[in-house]
Amino acid sequence: MKTYPWPMDILTKASGDGRKLITKPIDITPRDNIRPDENGVLRIVDCELLRVQDTILYPEVKAQGHFHFFCNDQGTLAMYGKRLNVNGSFPNIIDKLEAVKLPSIPTDTVYATELIWPGHPDTEVPTAIKDCPEELQLIVLGLPIYKGRLMTDASYQHSRTILQDLCADMLIKNFPYLDVGSKRHASAIMECYLEEVRRLGIEGIVFKEKAYSGWWKLKGIKEADCFITGCKVSRSETQCGLITSVTIGVLKDEDGEIIEMGSVTGFSLEEKRKMTDSYCQGKFDNEYIGKTLRVLYQEIAGKGKMKHGFFDGWRPDKDFMECKAEQFGSLSND
């Protein structure tokens, strides 16, 4: 049986041929349950789809970086992260981060952290780890283990107090606690925080029930008008043969240069069947290429593609020539 180094043997569990975290933020509601109203204000469509009620939540800023465990194993420092290795393992990259300012950490203690490259999306963090680690910042957002004690059942306040004493200057920003009642009440709270996310220009909020368990995430949603540039036929067991996603683009300038923005999912089964029938009949290019649609997404990733884009409706009132890169700000100048 394969063994794993401390603390990865207790902070992760078996998942296929690899490992996965025992605690990580889960969407507090499905992404497609968040929609803008006629005034562009983000709303929770169905409060019953919220996954929390009748509890105390402690909100924190959701950092936009790469998650790592910073560990002190009997005096030896380690930094375990998964994203630099896609095979399900968690390599120790402490030797690659000698230029990064790291907080003091007691023996037999683990911090949950994010490695952030200020001014860059999270997808570019591996580049910084390789080429310019001195530009990275480490943010502490949790205390999974403290002096040998697993903190999954510890209170949020207890762990936060410890972290304030140990690394206050690197601790993630938090907000006053929330006493959440019914799902209707929770829905109103989440809508307020969606506006706060937009106002602060942050990725989202993590709501925590305990020190290292019961973590929920709420990400902000942005919208854009794009046009279809292609389609993808599913090869999955359940939807094999159906068009389940389309590729989208916008125009860079008046010369008609197309900037590809990635792919979009979220179509109803009826809509998938309509697109598939059109494709099978050889009509897709005429009926769908260049067709405009409203897309909801979370952010633009490092390579200029949308993250988590999903379909929000057709725009028959808008020509594809009106779908410009300028709606994404600096993208049109890249």
C-alpha atoms as a PDB file:
ATOM      1  CA  MET A   1       0.000   0.000   0.000  1.00  0.00           C
ATOM      2  CA  LYS A   2       1.310   3.420  -0.978  1.00  0.00           C
ATOM      3  CA  THR A   3       2.081   5.752   1.911  1.00  0.00           C
ATOM      4  CA  TYR A   4       1.777   9.535   1.947  1.00  0.00           C
ATOM      5  CA  PRO A   5       3.848  12.078   3.867  1.00  0.00           C
ATOM      6  CA  TRP A   6       2.453  13.874   6.881  1.00  0.00           C
ATOM      7  CA  PRO A   7       0.051  15.708   6.803  1.00  0.00           C
ATOM      8  CA  MET A   8      -1.217  14.575   3.379  1.00  0.00           C
ATOM      9  CA  ASP A   9      -2.092  11.165   4.814  1.00  0.00           C
ATOM     10  CA  ILE A  10      -4.835  12.775   6.953  1.00  0.00           C
ATOM     11  CA  LEU A  11      -5.783  15.935   4.991  1.00  0.00           C
ATOM     12  CA  THR A  12      -6.530  14.004   1.797  1.00  0.00           C
ATOM     13  CA  LYS A  13      -8.383  10.789   0.976  1.00  0.00           C
ATOM     14  CA  ALA A  14      -8.243   8.230  -1.811  1.00  0.00           C
ATOM     15  CA  SER A  15      -9.828   9.235  -5.115  1.00  0.00           C
ATOM     16  CA  GLY A  16      -9.319   6.836  -7.996  1.00  0.00           C
ATOM     17  CA  ASP A  17      -5.572   6.560  -8.557  1.00  0.00           C
ATOM     18  CA  GLY A  18      -4.861   9.753  -6.604  1.00  0.00           C
ATOM     19  CA  ARG A  19      -5.981  11.818  -3.644  1.00  0.00           C
ATOM     20  CA  LYS A  20      -8.478  14.610  -2.987  1.00  0.00           C
ATOM     21  CA  LEU A  21      -8.870  17.106  -0.157  1.00  0.00           C
ATOM     22  CA  ILE A  22     -11.060  16.188   2.811  1.00  0.00           C
ATOM     23  CA  THR A  23     -12.174  19.820   3.124  1.00  0.00           C
ATOM     24  CA  LYS A  24     -12.648  22.357   0.361  1.00  0.00           C
ATOM     25  CA  PRO A  25     -15.298  25.009  -0.383  1.00  0.00           C
ATOM     26  CA  ILE A  26     -18.463  23.688  -2.036  1.00  0.00           C
ATOM     27  CA  ASP A  27     -20.809  25.903  -4.064  1.00  0.00           C
ATOM     28  CA  ILE A  28     -23.421  27.285  -1.679  1.00  0.00           C
ATOM     29  CA  THR A  29     -25.888  27.105  -4.562  1.00  0.00           C
ATOM     30  CA  PRO A  30     -25.612  25.828  -8.165  1.00  0.00           C
ATOM     31  CA  ARG A  31     -24.024  28.354 -10.508  1.00  0.00           C
ATOM     32  CA  ASP A  32     -27.057  28.443 -12.773  1.00  0.00           C
ATOM     33  CA  ASN A  33     -29.234  29.416  -9.793  1.00  0.00           C
ATOM     34  CA  ILE A  34     -27.674  32.899  -9.904  1.00  0.00           C
ATOM     35  CA  ARG A  35     -29.105  35.182 -12.577  1.00  0.00           C
ATOM     36  CA  PRO A  36     -29.161  38.956 -13.163  1.00  0.00           C
ATOM     37  CA  ASP A  37     -32.583  40.620 -13.063  1.00  0.00           C
ATOM     38  CA  GLU A  38     -33.770  43.254 -15.571  1.00  0.00           C
ATOM     39  CA  ASN A  39     -31.586  45.848 -13.816  1.00  0.00           C
ATOM     40  CA  GLY A  40     -28.487  43.667 -13.837  1.00  0.00           C
ATOM     41  CA  VAL A  41     -28.684  42.903 -10.105  1.00  0.00           C
ATOM     42  CA  LEU A  42     -27.682  39.316  -9.315  1.00  0.00           C
ATOM     43  CA  ARG A  43     -30.470  37.283  -7.763  1.00  0.00           C
ATOM     44  CA  ILE A  44     -30.930  33.789  -6.340  1.00  0.00           C
ATOM     45  CA  VAL A  45     -33.547  32.212  -8.597  1.00  0.00           C
ATOM     46  CA  ASP A  46     -34.737  29.458  -6.230  1.00  0.00           C
ATOM     47  CA  CYS A  47     -33.938  29.827  -2.542  1.00  0.00           C
ATOM     48  CA  GLU A  48     -34.674  26.122  -1.987  1.00  0.00           C
ATOM     49  CA  LEU A  49     -31.517  25.295  -3.917  1.00  0.00           C
ATOM     50  CA  LEU A  50     -29.351  26.968  -1.280  1.00  0.00           C
ATOM     51  CA  ARG A  51     -27.419  24.396   0.714  1.00  0.00           C
ATOM     52  CA  VAL A  52     -27.361  26.189   4.071  1.00  0.00           C
ATOM     53  CA  GLN A  53     -29.901  27.398   6.616  1.00  0.00           C
ATOM     54  CA  ASP A  54     -30.255  27.789  10.391  1.00  0.00           C
ATOM     55  CA  THR A  55     -26.550  28.145  11.085  1.00  0.00           C
ATOM     56  CA  ILE A  56     -23.804  30.635  11.883  1.00  0.00           C
ATOM     57  CA  LEU A  57     -21.516  31.512   8.975  1.00  0.00           C
ATOM     58  CA  TYR A  58     -18.201  33.362   9.004  1.00  0.00           C
ATOM     59  CA  PRO A  59     -17.529  35.100   5.653  1.00  0.00           C
ATOM     60  CA  GLU A  60     -14.053  35.585   4.209  1.00  0.00           C
ATOM     61  CA  VAL A  61     -12.742  36.958   0.929  1.00  0.00           C
ATOM     62  CA  LYS A  62     -12.169  34.168  -1.603  1.00  0.00           C
ATOM     63  CA  ALA A  63      -8.559  34.506  -2.672  1.00  0.00           C
ATOM     64  CA  GLN A  64      -7.768  34.071  -6.362  1.00  0.00           C
ATOM     65  CA  GLY A  65      -4.706  31.886  -6.353  1.00  0.00           C
ATOM     66  CA  HIS A  66      -3.473  28.296  -6.024  1.00  0.00           C
ATOM     67  CA  PHE A  67      -4.297  26.332  -2.892  1.00  0.00           C
ATOM     68  CA  HIS A  68      -1.381  24.834  -0.918  1.00  0.00           C
ATOM     69  CA  PHE A  69      -0.665  23.403   2.516  1.00  0.00           C
ATOM     70  CA  PHE A  70       2.265  25.095   4.273  1.00  0.00           C
ATOM     71  CA  CYS A  71       3.547  22.627   6.867  1.00  0.00           C
ATOM     72  CA  ASN A  72       6.061  22.349   9.693  1.00  0.00           C
ATOM     73  CA  ASP A  73       6.782  18.643  10.113  1.00  0.00           C
ATOM     74  CA  GLN A  74       8.914  18.396  13.244  1.00  0.00           C
ATOM     75  CA  GLY A  75      11.001  21.363  12.133  1.00  0.00           C
ATOM     76  CA  THR A  76      11.055  20.571   8.399  1.00  0.00           C
ATOM     77  CA  LEU A  77       9.067  22.967   6.198  1.00  0.00           C
ATOM     78  CA  ALA A  78       7.030  21.709   3.234  1.00  0.00           C
ATOM     79  CA  MET A  79       4.579  23.165   0.723  1.00  0.00           C
ATOM     80  CA  TYR A  80       2.137  20.686  -0.831  1.00  0.00           C
ATOM     81  CA  GLY A  81      -0.071  21.629  -3.777  1.00  0.00           C
ATOM     82  CA  LYS A  82      -1.943  19.696  -6.446  1.00  0.00           C
ATOM     83  CA  ARG A  83      -2.299  22.004  -9.401  1.00  0.00           C
ATOM     84  CA  LEU A  84       1.262  21.662 -10.606  1.00  0.00           C
ATOM     85  CA  ASN A  85       0.676  17.938 -10.944  1.00  0.00           C
ATOM     86  CA  VAL A  86      -2.477  16.627 -12.610  1.00  0.00           C
ATOM     87  CA  ASN A  87      -2.075  12.973 -11.671  1.00  0.00           C
ATOM     88  CA  GLY A  88      -3.780  13.280  -8.291  1.00  0.00           C
ATOM     89  CA  SER A  89      -0.625  13.627  -6.194  1.00  0.00           C
ATOM     90  CA  PHE A  90       0.451  16.578  -4.063  1.00  0.00           C
ATOM     91  CA  PRO A  91       4.136  17.372  -4.737  1.00  0.00           C
ATOM     92  CA  ASN A  92       6.220  19.269  -2.222  1.00  0.00           C
ATOM     93  CA  ILE A  93       7.440  22.484  -3.906  1.00  0.00           C
ATOM     94  CA  ILE A  94       9.047  24.245  -0.941  1.00  0.00           C
ATOM     95  CA  ASP A  95      12.378  24.282  -2.818  1.00  0.00           C
ATOM     96  CA  LYS A  96      10.778  26.370  -5.588  1.00  0.00           C
ATOM     97  CA  LEU A  97       9.558  29.052  -3.169  1.00  0.00           C
ATOM     98  CA  GLU A  98      12.762  30.150  -1.485  1.00  0.00           C
ATOM     99  CA  ALA A  99      12.130  33.748  -2.599  1.00  0.00           C
ATOM    100  CA  VAL A 100       8.573  33.865  -1.217  1.00  0.00           C
ATOM    101  CA  LYS A 101       7.975  35.466   2.164  1.00  0.00           C
ATOM    102  CA  LEU A 102       6.585  32.720   4.403  1.00  0.00           C
ATOM    103  CA  PRO A 103       4.967  33.183   7.822  1.00  0.00           C
ATOM    104  CA  SER A 104       6.303  31.716  11.043  1.00  0.00           C
ATOM    105  CA  ILE A 105       4.679  28.382  11.842  1.00  0.00           C
ATOM    106  CA  PRO A 106       4.840  26.212  14.985  1.00  0.00           C
ATOM    107  CA  THR A 107       6.093  22.630  14.903  1.00  0.00           C
ATOM    108  CA  ASP A 108       3.530  20.023  13.762  1.00  0.00           C
ATOM    109  CA  THR A 109       1.246  22.734  12.355  1.00  0.00           C
ATOM    110  CA  VAL A 110      -0.351  23.213   8.928  1.00  0.00           C
ATOM    111  CA  TYR A 111      -1.699  26.360   7.296  1.00  0.00           C
ATOM    112  CA  ALA A 112      -4.168  26.236   4.409  1.00  0.00           C
ATOM    113  CA  THR A 113      -2.893  28.916   2.041  1.00  0.00           C
ATOM    114  CA  GLU A 114      -3.237  30.485  -1.385  1.00  0.00           C
ATOM    115  CA  LEU A 115      -0.274  31.426  -3.539  1.00  0.00           C
ATOM    116  CA  ILE A 116      -1.240  34.644  -5.334  1.00  0.00           C
ATOM    117  CA  TRP A 117       0.460  36.563  -8.124  1.00  0.00           C
ATOM    118  CA  PRO A 118      -0.891  40.127  -7.698  1.00  0.00           C
ATOM    119  CA  GLY A 119      -2.281  41.582 -10.918  1.00  0.00           C
ATOM    120  CA  HIS A 120      -2.439  38.175 -12.608  1.00  0.00           C
ATOM    121  CA  PRO A 121      -5.172  35.502 -12.814  1.00  0.00           C
ATOM    122  CA  ASP A 122      -4.733  32.287 -10.835  1.00  0.00           C
ATOM    123  CA  THR A 123      -3.978  30.317 -14.009  1.00  0.00           C
ATOM    124  CA  GLU A 124      -0.645  32.178 -14.288  1.00  0.00           C
ATOM    125  CA  VAL A 125       0.573  31.277 -10.780  1.00  0.00           C
ATOM    126  CA  PRO A 126       2.539  28.214 -12.060  1.00  0.00           C
ATOM    127  CA  THR A 127       4.441  30.582 -14.352  1.00  0.00           C
ATOM    128  CA  ALA A 128       5.408  32.734 -11.380  1.00  0.00           C
ATOM    129  CA  ILE A 129       6.434  29.677  -9.338  1.00  0.00           C
ATOM    130  CA  LYS A 130       8.816  28.740 -12.164  1.00  0.00           C
ATOM    131  CA  ASP A 131      10.074  32.125 -13.357  1.00  0.00           C
ATOM    132  CA  CYS A 132       9.582  34.823 -10.708  1.00  0.00           C
ATOM    133  CA  PRO A 133       8.658  33.377  -7.296  1.00  0.00           C
ATOM    134  CA  GLU A 134       9.714  36.597  -5.551  1.00  0.00           C
ATOM    135  CA  GLU A 135       6.553  38.221  -6.983  1.00  0.00           C
ATOM    136  CA  LEU A 136       4.255  35.680  -5.330  1.00  0.00           C
ATOM    137  CA  GLN A 137       2.380  36.379  -2.111  1.00  0.00           C
ATOM    138  CA  LEU A 138       1.164  33.785   0.349  1.00  0.00           C
ATOM    139  CA  ILE A 139      -2.230  34.311   2.039  1.00  0.00           C
ATOM    140  CA  VAL A 140      -3.269  32.186   5.030  1.00  0.00           C
ATOM    141  CA  LEU A 141      -6.912  31.107   5.028  1.00  0.00           C
ATOM    142  CA  GLY A 142      -7.181  28.179   7.423  1.00  0.00           C
ATOM    143  CA  LEU A 143      -5.619  26.093  10.183  1.00  0.00           C
ATOM    144  CA  PRO A 144      -6.155  22.381   9.421  1.00  0.00           C
ATOM    145  CA  ILE A 145      -3.672  21.182  12.056  1.00  0.00           C
ATOM    146  CA  TYR A 146      -2.322  23.047  15.090  1.00  0.00           C
ATOM    147  CA  LYS A 147       0.545  21.540  17.090  1.00  0.00           C
ATOM    148  CA  GLY A 148      -0.469  18.027  16.060  1.00  0.00           C
ATOM    149  CA  ARG A 149      -4.218  18.478  16.631  1.00  0.00           C
ATOM    150  CA  LEU A 150      -6.604  18.023  13.689  1.00  0.00           C
ATOM    151  CA  MET A 151      -8.862  21.105  13.692  1.00  0.00           C
ATOM    152  CA  THR A 152     -11.865  19.896  11.697  1.00  0.00           C
ATOM    153  CA  ASP A 153     -14.180  20.173  14.717  1.00  0.00           C
ATOM    154  CA  ALA A 154     -12.633  23.326  16.208  1.00  0.00           C
ATOM    155  CA  SER A 155     -14.644  26.531  16.140  1.00  0.00           C
ATOM    156  CA  TYR A 156     -13.928  29.182  13.534  1.00  0.00           C
ATOM    157  CA  GLN A 157     -13.313  31.793  16.233  1.00  0.00           C
ATOM    158  CA  HIS A 158     -10.723  29.608  17.974  1.00  0.00           C
ATOM    159  CA  SER A 159      -8.661  28.994  14.850  1.00  0.00           C
ATOM    160  CA  ARG A 160      -8.960  32.617  13.719  1.00  0.00           C
ATOM    161  CA  THR A 161      -7.640  33.842  17.070  1.00  0.00           C
ATOM    162  CA  ILE A 162      -4.632  31.508  16.811  1.00  0.00           C
ATOM    163  CA  LEU A 163      -3.897  32.692  13.280  1.00  0.00           C
ATOM    164  CA  GLN A 164      -4.222  36.333  14.319  1.00  0.00           C
ATOM    165  CA  ASP A 165      -1.457  35.742  16.856  1.00  0.00           C
ATOM    166  CA  LEU A 166       0.761  33.813  14.429  1.00  0.00           C
ATOM    167  CA  CYS A 167       0.426  35.548  11.058  1.00  0.00           C
ATOM    168  CA  ALA A 168      -1.991  38.489  11.207  1.00  0.00           C
ATOM    169  CA  ASP A 169      -0.264  40.320   8.330  1.00  0.00           C
ATOM    170  CA  MET A 170      -0.857  37.385   5.962  1.00  0.00           C
ATOM    171  CA  LEU A 171      -4.348  36.396   7.109  1.00  0.00           C
ATOM    172  CA  ILE A 172      -7.244  36.500   4.637  1.00  0.00           C
ATOM    173  CA  LYS A 173      -9.711  39.377   5.142  1.00  0.00           C
ATOM    174  CA  ASN A 174     -12.938  38.414   6.902  1.00  0.00           C
ATOM    175  CA  PHE A 175     -16.337  39.992   7.626  1.00  0.00           C
ATOM    176  CA  PRO A 176     -18.696  39.972  10.641  1.00  0.00           C
ATOM    177  CA  TYR A 177     -20.390  36.634  11.295  1.00  0.00           C
ATOM    178  CA  LEU A 178     -23.893  35.897   9.982  1.00  0.00           C
ATOM    179  CA  ASP A 179     -26.775  34.277  11.836  1.00  0.00           C
ATOM    180  CA  VAL A 180     -28.536  32.555   8.933  1.00  0.00           C
ATOM    181  CA  GLY A 181     -32.169  31.542   9.378  1.00  0.00           C
ATOM    182  CA  SER A 182     -34.482  30.084   6.741  1.00  0.00           C
ATOM    183  CA  LYS A 183     -33.440  29.516   3.148  1.00  0.00           C
ATOM    184  CA  ARG A 184     -35.410  32.623   2.174  1.00  0.00           C
ATOM    185  CA  HIS A 185     -33.364  34.603   4.691  1.00  0.00           C
ATOM    186  CA  ALA A 186     -30.162  32.956   3.447  1.00  0.00           C
ATOM    187  CA  SER A 187     -31.093  33.878  -0.128  1.00  0.00           C
ATOM    188  CA  ALA A 188     -31.395  37.566   0.785  1.00  0.00           C
ATOM    189  CA  ILE A 189     -28.003  37.442   2.507  1.00  0.00           C
ATOM    190  CA  MET A 190     -26.344  35.796  -0.492  1.00  0.00           C
ATOM    191  CA  GLU A 191     -27.762  38.449  -2.835  1.00  0.00           C
ATOM    192  CA  CYS A 192     -26.285  41.178  -0.614  1.00  0.00           C
ATOM    193  CA  TYR A 193     -22.906  39.465  -0.738  1.00  0.00           C
ATOM    194  CA  LEU A 194     -23.088  39.107  -4.513  1.00  0.00           C
ATOM    195  CA  GLU A 195     -23.370  42.883  -4.686  1.00  0.00           C
ATOM    196  CA  GLU A 196     -20.497  43.215  -2.220  1.00  0.00           C
ATOM    197  CA  VAL A 197     -18.348  40.931  -4.390  1.00  0.00           C
ATOM    198  CA  ARG A 198     -19.063  43.160  -7.380  1.00  0.00           C
ATOM    199  CA  ARG A 199     -18.399  46.363  -5.411  1.00  0.00           C
ATOM    200  CA  LEU A 200     -15.082  45.131  -4.018  1.00  0.00           C
ATOM    201  CA  GLY A 201     -13.975  43.592  -7.316  1.00  0.00           C
ATOM    202  CA  ILE A 202     -13.094  40.254  -5.706  1.00  0.00           C
ATOM    203  CA  GLU A 203     -13.612  36.702  -6.957  1.00  0.00           C
ATOM    204  CA  GLY A 204     -16.120  35.716  -4.298  1.00  0.00           C
ATOM    205  CA  ILE A 205     -16.775  34.838  -0.663  1.00  0.00           C
ATOM    206  CA  VAL A 206     -16.110  31.694   1.374  1.00  0.00           C
ATOM    207  CA  PHE A 207     -18.581  31.122   4.218  1.00  0.00           C
ATOM    208  CA  LYS A 208     -17.190  28.915   6.978  1.00  0.00           C
ATOM    209  CA  GLU A 209     -19.084  27.051   9.684  1.00  0.00           C
ATOM    210  CA  LYS A 210     -15.997  25.708  11.503  1.00  0.00           C
ATOM    211  CA  ALA A 211     -12.223  25.972  11.449  1.00  0.00           C
ATOM    212  CA  TYR A 212     -11.744  23.260   8.841  1.00  0.00           C
ATOM    213  CA  SER A 213     -15.134  21.863   7.871  1.00  0.00           C
ATOM    214  CA  GLY A 214     -18.362  23.243   6.462  1.00  0.00           C
ATOM    215  CA  TRP A 215     -16.810  25.583   3.890  1.00  0.00           C
ATOM    216  CA  TRP A 216     -19.138  27.097   1.268  1.00  0.00           C
ATOM    217  CA  LYS A 217     -18.234  29.354  -1.659  1.00  0.00           C
ATOM    218  CA  LEU A 218     -20.186  32.038  -3.488  1.00  0.00           C
ATOM    219  CA  LYS A 219     -18.600  33.451  -6.625  1.00  0.00           C
ATOM    220  CA  GLY A 220     -19.585  36.585  -8.456  1.00  0.00           C
ATOM    221  CA  ILE A 221     -21.134  36.317 -11.896  1.00  0.00           C
ATOM    222  CA  LYS A 222     -20.444  38.560 -14.891  1.00  0.00           C
ATOM    223  CA  GLU A 223     -22.285  38.735 -18.202  1.00  0.00           C
ATOM    224  CA  ALA A 224     -21.330  39.305 -21.823  1.00  0.00           C
ATOM    225  CA  ASP A 225     -22.791  39.120 -25.322  1.00  0.00           C
ATOM    226  CA  CYS A 226     -20.910  36.796 -27.680  1.00  0.00           C
ATOM    227  CA  PHE A 227     -21.534  34.802 -30.852  1.00  0.00           C
ATOM    228  CA  ILE A 228     -21.144  31.126 -31.720  1.00  0.00           C
ATOM    229  CA  THR A 229     -18.010  30.068 -33.597  1.00  0.00           C
ATOM    230  CA  GLY A 230     -18.356  26.291 -33.386  1.00  0.00           C
ATOM    231  CA  CYS A 231     -19.767  23.378 -31.413  1.00  0.00           C
ATOM    232  CA  LYS A 232     -18.682  20.327 -29.459  1.00  0.00           C
ATOM    233  CA  VAL A 233     -20.352  16.924 -29.718  1.00  0.00           C
ATOM    234  CA  SER A 234     -20.421  15.027 -26.416  1.00  0.00           C
ATOM    235  CA  ARG A 235     -18.769  11.629 -26.079  1.00  0.00           C
ATOM    236  CA  SER A 236     -20.076  11.015 -22.553  1.00  0.00           C
ATOM    237  CA  GLU A 237     -22.143   7.936 -21.746  1.00  0.00           C
ATOM    238  CA  THR A 238     -25.280   9.916 -20.904  1.00  0.00           C
ATOM    239  CA  GLN A 239     -25.245  12.494 -23.729  1.00  0.00           C
ATOM    240  CA  CYS A 240     -23.169  10.841 -26.419  1.00  0.00           C
ATOM    241  CA  GLY A 241     -23.875  12.371 -29.832  1.00  0.00           C
ATOM    242  CA  LEU A 242     -25.542  15.520 -28.492  1.00  0.00           C
ATOM    243  CA  ILE A 243     -24.127  18.995 -28.909  1.00  0.00           C
ATOM    244  CA  THR A 244     -23.711  19.985 -25.276  1.00  0.00           C
ATOM    245  CA  SER A 245     -21.505  23.057 -25.636  1.00  0.00           C
ATOM    246  CA  VAL A 246     -20.550  25.683 -28.195  1.00  0.00           C
ATOM    247  CA  THR A 247     -17.410  27.730 -28.711  1.00  0.00           C
ATOM    248  CA  ILE A 248     -17.879  31.481 -28.641  1.00  0.00           C
ATOM    249  CA  GLY A 249     -16.079  34.618 -29.725  1.00  0.00           C
ATOM    250  CA  VAL A 250     -16.178  38.385 -29.932  1.00  0.00           C
ATOM    251  CA  LEU A 251     -14.761  40.852 -32.435  1.00  0.00           C
ATOM    252  CA  LYS A 252     -11.498  42.567 -31.549  1.00  0.00           C
ATOM    253  CA  ASP A 253     -12.071  45.592 -33.790  1.00  0.00           C
ATOM    254  CA  GLU A 254     -13.893  46.894 -36.838  1.00  0.00           C
ATOM    255  CA  ASP A 255     -11.697  44.793 -39.125  1.00  0.00           C
ATOM    256  CA  GLY A 256     -13.573  41.704 -37.987  1.00  0.00           C
ATOM    257  CA  GLU A 257     -10.773  39.831 -36.221  1.00  0.00           C
ATOM    258  CA  ILE A 258     -12.352  37.187 -33.953  1.00  0.00           C
ATOM    259  CA  ILE A 259     -11.111  36.588 -30.419  1.00  0.00           C
ATOM    260  CA  GLU A 260     -12.028  33.103 -29.249  1.00  0.00           C
ATOM    261  CA  MET A 261     -13.424  33.181 -25.697  1.00  0.00           C
ATOM    262  CA  GLY A 262     -13.697  29.463 -24.916  1.00  0.00           C
ATOM    263  CA  SER A 263     -16.776  27.286 -24.622  1.00  0.00           C
ATOM    264  CA  VAL A 264     -20.210  27.610 -23.038  1.00  0.00           C
ATOM    265  CA  THR A 265     -22.477  24.976 -21.495  1.00  0.00           C
ATOM    266  CA  GLY A 266     -25.828  25.221 -19.699  1.00  0.00           C
ATOM    267  CA  PHE A 267     -28.207  24.542 -22.578  1.00  0.00           C
ATOM    268  CA  SER A 268     -31.518  22.808 -21.921  1.00  0.00           C
ATOM    269  CA  LEU A 269     -32.043  19.312 -23.292  1.00  0.00           C
ATOM    270  CA  GLU A 270     -34.489  20.760 -25.832  1.00  0.00           C
ATOM    271  CA  GLU A 271     -31.920  23.287 -27.008  1.00  0.00           C
ATOM    272  CA  LYS A 272     -29.220  20.592 -27.262  1.00  0.00           C
ATOM    273  CA  ARG A 273     -31.526  18.482 -29.422  1.00  0.00           C
ATOM    274  CA  LYS A 274     -32.320  21.421 -31.710  1.00  0.00           C
ATOM    275  CA  MET A 275     -28.626  22.173 -32.239  1.00  0.00           C
ATOM    276  CA  THR A 276     -27.844  18.485 -32.749  1.00  0.00           C
ATOM    277  CA  ASP A 277     -30.604  18.064 -35.361  1.00  0.00           C
ATOM    278  CA  SER A 278     -29.301  21.136 -37.187  1.00  0.00           C
ATOM    279  CA  TYR A 279     -25.767  19.736 -37.084  1.00  0.00           C
ATOM    280  CA  CYS A 280     -26.802  16.296 -38.364  1.00  0.00           C
ATOM    281  CA  GLN A 281     -28.741  17.889 -41.220  1.00  0.00           C
ATOM    282  CA  GLY A 282     -25.739  19.965 -42.256  1.00  0.00           C
ATOM    283  CA  LYS A 283     -27.470  23.225 -41.351  1.00  0.00           C
ATOM    284  CA  PHE A 284     -25.530  24.182 -38.214  1.00  0.00           C
ATOM    285  CA  ASP A 285     -23.181  26.645 -39.908  1.00  0.00           C
ATOM    286  CA  ASN A 286     -26.063  28.575 -41.480  1.00  0.00           C
ATOM    287  CA  GLU A 287     -28.384  28.425 -38.455  1.00  0.00           C
ATOM    288  CA  TYR A 288     -25.996  28.823 -35.518  1.00  0.00           C
ATOM    289  CA  ILE A 289     -22.538  30.117 -36.508  1.00  0.00           C
ATOM    290  CA  GLY A 290     -22.615  33.844 -35.752  1.00  0.00           C
ATOM    291  CA  LYS A 291     -25.780  33.563 -33.664  1.00  0.00           C
ATOM    292  CA  THR A 292     -25.589  35.857 -30.632  1.00  0.00           C
ATOM    293  CA  LEU A 293     -26.155  34.759 -27.061  1.00  0.00           C
ATOM    294  CA  ARG A 294     -25.888  36.140 -23.553  1.00  0.00           C
ATOM    295  CA  VAL A 295     -23.245  34.353 -21.470  1.00  0.00           C
ATOM    296  CA  LEU A 296     -22.747  34.380 -17.711  1.00  0.00           C
ATOM    297  CA  TYR A 297     -19.224  33.686 -16.481  1.00  0.00           C
ATOM    298  CA  GLN A 298     -16.996  34.158 -13.452  1.00  0.00           C
ATOM    299  CA  GLU A 299     -13.840  35.724 -14.855  1.00  0.00           C
ATOM    300  CA  ILE A 300     -11.426  35.848 -17.762  1.00  0.00           C
ATOM    301  CA  ALA A 301      -8.574  33.386 -17.282  1.00  0.00           C
ATOM    302  CA  GLY A 302      -4.915  33.963 -18.075  1.00  0.00           C
ATOM    303  CA  LYS A 303      -5.201  32.827 -21.704  1.00  0.00           C
ATOM    304  CA  GLY A 304      -8.134  35.154 -22.357  1.00  0.00           C
ATOM    305  CA  LYS A 305     -10.822  32.489 -22.085  1.00  0.00           C
ATOM    306  CA  MET A 306     -13.953  32.655 -19.943  1.00  0.00           C
ATOM    307  CA  LYS A 307     -14.019  30.582 -16.768  1.00  0.00           C
ATOM    308  CA  HIS A 308     -17.235  28.647 -16.130  1.00  0.00           C
ATOM    309  CA  GLY A 309     -19.239  30.246 -18.931  1.00  0.00           C
ATOM    310  CA  PHE A 310     -22.856  29.156 -19.251  1.00  0.00           C
ATOM    311  CA  PHE A 311     -25.755  30.030 -21.516  1.00  0.00           C
ATOM    312  CA  ASP A 312     -28.236  32.669 -20.340  1.00  0.00           C
ATOM    313  CA  GLY A 313     -30.371  33.176 -23.437  1.00  0.00           C
ATOM    314  CA  TRP A 314     -30.331  34.101 -27.116  1.00  0.00           C
ATOM    315  CA  ARG A 315     -29.992  37.730 -28.257  1.00  0.00           C
ATOM    316  CA  PRO A 316     -32.081  37.967 -31.451  1.00  0.00           C
ATOM    317  CA  ASP A 317     -32.033  41.751 -31.042  1.00  0.00           C
ATOM    318  CA  LYS A 318     -28.245  41.935 -31.386  1.00  0.00           C
ATOM    319  CA  ASP A 319     -26.073  41.313 -34.447  1.00  0.00           C
ATOM    320  CA  PHE A 320     -22.790  39.459 -34.031  1.00  0.00           C
ATOM    321  CA  MET A 321     -20.976  42.590 -35.271  1.00  0.00           C
ATOM    322  CA  GLU A 322     -22.046  44.292 -32.039  1.00  0.00           C
ATOM    323  CA  CYS A 323     -20.299  41.692 -29.842  1.00  0.00           C
ATOM    324  CA  LYS A 324     -17.030  43.514 -29.213  1.00  0.00           C
ATOM    325  CA  ALA A 325     -14.006  42.726 -27.064  1.00  0.00           C
ATOM    326  CA  GLU A 326     -14.293  46.166 -25.453  1.00  0.00           C
ATOM    327  CA  GLN A 327     -16.937  44.801 -23.071  1.00  0.00           C
ATOM    328  CA  PHE A 328     -14.071  42.926 -21.334  1.00  0.00           C
ATOM    329  CA  GLY A 329     -11.903  46.023 -20.824  1.00  0.00           C
ATOM    330  CA  SER A 330      -8.204  45.380 -21.458  1.00  0.00           C
ATOM    331  CA  LEU A 331      -8.880  42.243 -23.522  1.00  0.00           C
ATOM    332  CA  SER A 332      -9.347  44.316 -26.685  1.00  0.00           C
ATOM    333  CA  ASN A 333      -5.864  45.794 -26.251  1.00  0.00           C
ATOM    334  CA  ASP A 334      -3.990  42.507 -25.863  1.00  0.00           C
END
